[in-house]
């Protein structure tokens, strides 16, 4: 089974106005609401590809109820932990005339030790041989060692953790020996404490970490992905496409990777799916993820070279 973890989901309100005028009444042309979160988007992509996953995480208050209800209506399976705090709201204001966008993001709710323990016990019950995507950062009230603790606990059950994080969460998580890590090139640079600009630098810098993880996939935007294991080293290059937005591309890539892993694909095929999903997500406007038809079309055009 596939699982995803989102510690900081949000309810996004996307508001369109003609033009934002200060100190005056601004009429709303259109308003949409959607549930958001990195792990949630991974679950959406898995669902779009024809797979199934269970979304884990925290939700609280009326916003949390709406997040959960919207995801259920999308056909996603959810098993969230209810918290006393209120799930945050993001307000995105789009000015059509100026083609400008402004994001107002509320602070994250703090979770209590009891709420953390409740989620952790739920994670410990994930069945053997499953896959878990751990995405994003931790929320207030949670130790930056939380992901490392999850990885350590689940490794005994051979639950393979795919870690998509940054900063201390990634550094500490790597040393707990996850199955796969998927940083982008900037996050990878922070992991190795180097300024990494070229994909050709990645294999040598990643070498020490291959003693800790089975697979490393580093994404580099339109340049593609580098995929490494102890026995295989690939550079996957996507076809050139008309990029409309890169938002959601990383989460789409993780969704493709998770789906391919669950289908039993080899590493080359897993990398190909990740690149195809990430590239397909760039074809849509902001906040949209990949579509299945685009993924399968692009996947046939991905070029994978041995390094």
Protein backbone atom coordinates (compact mmCIF):
# COMPACT_ATOMS: atom_id res chain seq x y z
CA UNK A 1 0.00 0.00 0.00
CA UNK A 2 1.08 3.60 -0.59
CA UNK A 3 0.89 6.24 2.15
CA UNK A 4 1.64 9.96 2.17
CA UNK A 5 2.33 12.26 5.12
CA UNK A 6 1.45 15.96 5.29
CA UNK A 7 2.06 17.62 8.65
CA UNK A 8 0.97 21.09 7.50
CA UNK A 9 -2.07 20.89 5.18
CA UNK A 10 -3.90 24.11 4.36
CA UNK A 11 -7.15 25.36 2.94
CA UNK A 12 -6.31 27.58 -0.04
CA UNK A 13 -8.68 30.38 -1.06
CA UNK A 14 -7.88 31.61 -4.56
CA UNK A 15 -9.45 34.99 -5.24
CA UNK A 16 -9.52 36.73 -8.61
CA UNK A 17 -9.93 40.51 -8.84
CA UNK A 18 -9.64 42.76 -11.86
CA UNK A 19 -7.08 44.96 -10.14
CA UNK A 20 -6.30 45.49 -6.45
CA UNK A 21 -7.10 49.05 -5.44
CA UNK A 22 -5.84 50.14 -2.02
CA UNK A 23 -8.17 51.91 0.44
CA UNK A 24 -11.21 50.97 -1.61
CA UNK A 25 -13.73 48.15 -2.06
CA UNK A 26 -12.43 45.42 -4.38
CA UNK A 27 -15.03 43.22 -6.01
CA UNK A 28 -14.24 39.51 -6.26
CA UNK A 29 -14.66 38.16 -9.80
CA UNK A 30 -14.11 34.52 -8.93
CA UNK A 31 -13.22 32.49 -5.85
CA UNK A 32 -12.13 28.88 -5.49
CA UNK A 33 -11.15 26.75 -2.50
CA UNK A 34 -8.91 23.73 -2.46
CA UNK A 35 -7.07 21.58 0.05
CA UNK A 36 -3.31 21.86 -0.27
CA UNK A 37 -0.17 20.21 1.06
CA UNK A 38 2.85 18.48 -0.42
CA UNK A 39 1.92 14.95 0.64
CA UNK A 40 -1.69 15.59 -0.33
CA UNK A 41 -0.55 16.51 -3.84
CA UNK A 42 1.49 13.31 -4.00
CA UNK A 43 -1.69 11.37 -3.20
CA UNK A 44 -3.55 13.30 -5.91
CA UNK A 45 -0.97 12.32 -8.51
CA UNK A 46 -1.04 8.66 -7.48
CA UNK A 47 -4.82 8.77 -7.82
CA UNK A 48 -4.57 10.44 -11.25
CA UNK A 49 -2.24 7.69 -12.45
CA UNK A 50 -4.71 5.01 -11.41
CA UNK A 51 -3.18 4.04 -8.06
CA UNK A 52 -4.43 4.41 -4.53
CA UNK A 53 -2.86 5.82 -1.39
CA UNK A 54 -3.85 6.82 2.13
CA UNK A 55 -3.14 10.43 3.15
CA UNK A 56 -1.93 10.89 6.74
CA UNK A 57 -1.34 14.08 8.71
CA UNK A 58 -2.97 16.66 10.98
CA UNK A 59 -6.22 18.58 10.48
CA UNK A 60 -8.03 20.81 12.95
CA UNK A 61 -11.06 23.06 13.33
CA UNK A 62 -13.61 23.94 10.65
CA UNK A 63 -10.85 24.47 8.10
CA UNK A 64 -9.59 20.96 8.82
CA UNK A 65 -13.07 19.54 8.31
CA UNK A 66 -13.32 21.29 4.97
CA UNK A 67 -9.87 20.07 3.92
CA UNK A 68 -10.84 16.49 4.76
CA UNK A 69 -14.25 16.78 3.10
CA UNK A 70 -12.82 18.18 -0.10
CA UNK A 71 -10.23 15.41 -0.31
CA UNK A 72 -12.86 12.73 0.30
CA UNK A 73 -14.94 14.25 -2.51
CA UNK A 74 -11.89 14.05 -4.78
CA UNK A 75 -11.78 10.32 -4.16
CA UNK A 76 -8.71 10.30 -1.91
CA UNK A 77 -8.46 8.00 1.09
CA UNK A 78 -7.67 9.96 4.28
CA UNK A 79 -6.75 8.97 7.82
CA UNK A 80 -5.91 12.27 9.51
CA UNK A 81 -5.39 12.98 13.20
CA UNK A 82 -7.64 15.71 14.59
CA UNK A 83 -5.84 18.47 16.51
CA UNK A 84 -7.11 21.24 18.79
CA UNK A 85 -5.62 23.98 16.60
CA UNK A 86 -7.13 25.33 13.39
CA UNK A 87 -5.77 24.20 10.02
CA UNK A 88 -4.24 27.27 8.40
CA UNK A 89 -5.73 29.18 5.47
CA UNK A 90 -3.75 30.55 2.55
CA UNK A 91 -5.28 33.42 0.57
CA UNK A 92 -4.03 33.82 -2.98
CA UNK A 93 -5.10 37.08 -4.67
CA UNK A 94 -4.72 37.17 -8.44
CA UNK A 95 -4.93 40.52 -10.23
CA UNK A 96 -6.05 39.72 -13.76
CA UNK A 97 -5.21 43.08 -15.31
CA UNK A 98 -1.68 43.23 -13.91
CA UNK A 99 -1.15 39.45 -14.08
CA UNK A 100 0.18 39.58 -10.52
CA UNK A 101 -0.35 37.17 -7.65
CA UNK A 102 -0.07 37.76 -3.90
CA UNK A 103 0.00 35.03 -1.25
CA UNK A 104 -1.19 35.65 2.31
CA UNK A 105 -0.23 32.66 4.45
CA UNK A 106 -1.48 32.14 8.00
CA UNK A 107 0.81 30.72 10.67
CA UNK A 108 0.89 26.98 11.28
CA UNK A 109 -1.04 25.58 14.26
CA UNK A 110 1.08 24.16 17.06
CA UNK A 111 0.47 20.51 17.90
CA UNK A 112 0.63 18.98 21.36
CA UNK A 113 2.77 15.97 22.40
CA UNK A 114 -0.39 13.87 22.67
CA UNK A 115 -1.37 14.75 19.09
CA UNK A 116 2.16 13.93 17.89
CA UNK A 117 2.04 10.57 19.67
CA UNK A 118 -1.38 9.81 18.16
CA UNK A 119 -0.07 10.37 14.64
CA UNK A 120 3.15 8.48 15.36
CA UNK A 121 1.21 5.44 16.58
CA UNK A 122 -0.90 5.56 13.43
CA UNK A 123 2.28 5.62 11.33
CA UNK A 124 3.70 2.67 13.29
CA UNK A 125 0.64 0.66 12.19
CA UNK A 126 1.47 1.01 8.48
CA UNK A 127 1.56 -2.55 7.10
CA UNK A 128 4.81 -4.29 6.22
CA UNK A 129 6.23 -3.85 2.70
CA UNK A 130 4.35 -0.55 2.20
CA UNK A 131 5.71 2.74 0.88
CA UNK A 132 5.45 6.08 2.70
CA UNK A 133 6.15 9.47 1.12
CA UNK A 134 7.25 12.00 3.75
CA UNK A 135 7.03 15.49 2.27
CA UNK A 136 7.73 19.02 3.46
CA UNK A 137 8.81 20.38 6.82
CA UNK A 138 7.67 19.79 10.39
CA UNK A 139 5.14 21.98 12.18
CA UNK A 140 5.52 23.89 15.48
CA UNK A 141 5.61 21.51 18.42
CA UNK A 142 7.35 18.72 16.47
CA UNK A 143 11.05 17.91 16.70
CA UNK A 144 13.16 18.15 13.55
CA UNK A 145 14.13 14.54 14.39
CA UNK A 146 10.55 13.40 13.74
CA UNK A 147 11.19 12.14 10.21
CA UNK A 148 14.31 10.30 11.35
CA UNK A 149 12.25 8.62 14.08
CA UNK A 150 9.64 7.54 11.53
CA UNK A 151 12.29 6.10 9.22
CA UNK A 152 14.04 4.24 12.02
CA UNK A 153 10.79 2.74 13.33
CA UNK A 154 9.42 1.68 9.93
CA UNK A 155 12.69 0.19 8.69
CA UNK A 156 12.14 -2.79 11.01
CA UNK A 157 8.92 -3.55 9.08
CA UNK A 158 10.55 -2.98 5.68
CA UNK A 159 8.28 -0.01 5.05
CA UNK A 160 10.20 1.96 2.42
CA UNK A 161 10.24 5.69 3.13
CA UNK A 162 10.59 8.19 0.28
CA UNK A 163 11.88 11.40 1.89
CA UNK A 164 11.26 14.75 0.19
CA UNK A 165 12.43 17.34 2.70
CA UNK A 166 14.94 20.14 3.19
CA UNK A 167 17.34 21.50 5.80
CA UNK A 168 17.75 19.73 9.12
CA UNK A 169 14.81 17.41 8.47
CA UNK A 170 16.60 16.07 5.38
CA UNK A 171 20.03 15.90 7.06
CA UNK A 172 18.77 14.03 10.09
CA UNK A 173 16.43 11.90 7.99
CA UNK A 174 19.21 10.72 5.69
CA UNK A 175 21.21 9.39 8.62
CA UNK A 176 18.22 7.28 9.65
CA UNK A 177 18.65 5.42 6.32
CA UNK A 178 15.49 5.99 4.27
CA UNK A 179 14.81 3.97 1.14
CA UNK A 180 14.95 6.96 -1.25
CA UNK A 181 15.49 10.71 -1.04
CA UNK A 182 14.25 13.21 -3.64
CA UNK A 183 15.71 16.69 -3.05
CA UNK A 184 15.84 19.31 -5.77
CA UNK A 185 19.28 20.58 -6.74
CA UNK A 186 19.11 23.48 -4.24
CA UNK A 187 18.02 21.23 -1.36
CA UNK A 188 20.75 18.78 -2.34
CA UNK A 189 23.28 21.61 -2.15
CA UNK A 190 22.16 22.40 1.39
CA UNK A 191 22.48 18.71 2.28
CA UNK A 192 26.07 18.47 1.05
CA UNK A 193 26.84 22.05 2.16
CA UNK A 194 27.99 23.10 -1.27
CA UNK A 195 26.67 25.43 -3.94
CA UNK A 196 25.57 22.96 -6.61
CA UNK A 197 24.72 24.49 -9.97
CA UNK A 198 25.46 21.81 -12.55
CA UNK A 199 23.94 18.32 -12.71
CA UNK A 200 27.38 16.92 -13.52
CA UNK A 201 28.46 17.74 -9.95
CA UNK A 202 25.77 15.61 -8.33
CA UNK A 203 27.11 12.01 -8.68
CA UNK A 204 30.43 12.65 -6.93
CA UNK A 205 28.88 14.76 -4.16
CA UNK A 206 26.17 12.12 -3.60
CA UNK A 207 28.62 9.23 -3.31
CA UNK A 208 28.98 9.26 0.52
CA UNK A 209 25.19 9.19 0.95
CA UNK A 210 24.79 5.99 -1.06
CA UNK A 211 26.06 4.18 2.04
CA UNK A 212 22.97 5.51 3.86
CA UNK A 213 20.13 5.30 1.32
CA UNK A 214 19.25 2.86 -1.45
CA UNK A 215 18.36 5.51 -4.05
CA UNK A 216 18.98 9.21 -4.55
CA UNK A 217 17.00 11.23 -7.09
CA UNK A 218 17.92 14.89 -7.52
CA UNK A 219 15.61 17.03 -9.65
CA UNK A 220 16.93 20.02 -11.59
CA UNK A 221 13.86 21.59 -13.19
CA UNK A 222 13.79 21.58 -16.98
CA UNK A 223 17.22 19.93 -16.98
CA UNK A 224 15.68 16.71 -15.65
CA UNK A 225 16.80 14.37 -12.88
CA UNK A 226 19.86 12.49 -11.76
CA UNK A 227 19.12 9.05 -10.32
CA UNK A 228 21.76 7.18 -8.34
CA UNK A 229 22.18 3.88 -6.53
CA UNK A 230 25.29 1.87 -5.69
CA UNK A 231 25.00 -0.02 -8.98
CA UNK A 232 23.17 2.37 -11.31
CA UNK A 233 23.71 6.00 -12.28
CA UNK A 234 21.32 7.71 -14.70
CA UNK A 235 20.65 11.17 -16.07
CA UNK A 236 17.05 11.54 -17.26
CA UNK A 237 16.32 14.41 -19.65
CA UNK A 238 12.73 15.48 -20.38
CA UNK A 239 11.52 16.75 -23.75
CA UNK A 240 11.23 20.50 -24.21
CA UNK A 241 7.74 21.73 -23.36
CA UNK A 242 5.93 25.04 -23.03
CA UNK A 243 6.29 25.63 -19.29
CA UNK A 244 3.35 27.51 -17.77
CA UNK A 245 4.13 26.99 -14.10
CA UNK A 246 6.63 24.95 -12.10
CA UNK A 247 4.42 24.89 -8.98
CA UNK A 248 3.58 21.32 -8.05
CA UNK A 249 6.21 19.80 -10.32
CA UNK A 250 8.25 18.36 -7.44
CA UNK A 251 5.23 16.79 -5.76
CA UNK A 252 4.06 15.41 -9.10
CA UNK A 253 7.48 13.82 -9.57
CA UNK A 254 7.28 12.16 -6.14
CA UNK A 255 3.79 10.90 -6.98
CA UNK A 256 5.11 9.33 -10.16
CA UNK A 257 8.02 7.77 -8.32
CA UNK A 258 5.73 6.31 -5.66
CA UNK A 259 3.31 4.92 -8.23
CA UNK A 260 6.11 3.28 -10.25
CA UNK A 261 7.69 1.77 -7.13
CA UNK A 262 4.38 0.21 -6.11
CA UNK A 263 3.99 -1.21 -9.64
CA UNK A 264 7.33 -2.99 -9.25
CA UNK A 265 9.19 -0.94 -11.87
CA UNK A 266 12.98 -1.02 -12.06
CA UNK A 267 14.99 2.09 -11.19
CA UNK A 268 15.23 3.32 -14.78
CA UNK A 269 11.45 3.11 -15.15
CA UNK A 270 10.89 4.79 -11.76
CA UNK A 271 13.09 7.69 -12.83
CA UNK A 272 11.29 7.94 -16.16
CA UNK A 273 7.91 8.16 -14.41
CA UNK A 274 9.21 10.83 -12.03
CA UNK A 275 10.54 13.00 -14.84
CA UNK A 276 7.37 12.56 -16.91
CA UNK A 277 5.08 13.51 -14.01
CA UNK A 278 7.18 16.51 -13.01
CA UNK A 279 7.34 17.74 -16.62
CA UNK A 280 3.62 17.15 -17.20
CA UNK A 281 2.80 19.34 -14.19
CA UNK A 282 4.51 22.33 -15.83
CA UNK A 283 2.03 22.27 -18.72
CA UNK A 284 -0.82 23.50 -16.51
CA UNK A 285 -1.52 26.82 -14.88
CA UNK A 286 -0.45 27.50 -11.30
CA UNK A 287 -1.60 25.04 -8.62
CA UNK A 288 -2.48 22.32 -11.16
CA UNK A 289 -0.78 18.92 -11.14
CA UNK A 290 -0.03 16.47 -13.94
CA UNK A 291 -2.62 14.65 -16.04
CA UNK A 292 -2.35 10.95 -16.86
CA UNK A 293 -2.51 11.49 -20.64
CA UNK A 294 0.32 14.06 -20.56
CA UNK A 295 2.42 11.77 -18.34
CA UNK A 296 2.23 8.78 -20.68
CA UNK A 297 2.89 10.93 -23.74
CA UNK A 298 5.92 12.65 -22.19
CA UNK A 299 7.27 9.43 -20.69
CA UNK A 300 7.85 8.06 -24.20
CA UNK A 301 10.05 11.10 -24.95
CA UNK A 302 12.19 11.02 -21.80
CA UNK A 303 15.83 10.23 -22.63
CA UNK A 304 17.75 8.33 -19.96
CA UNK A 305 21.52 8.17 -20.23
CA UNK A 306 23.98 6.17 -18.16
CA UNK A 307 26.41 8.33 -16.23
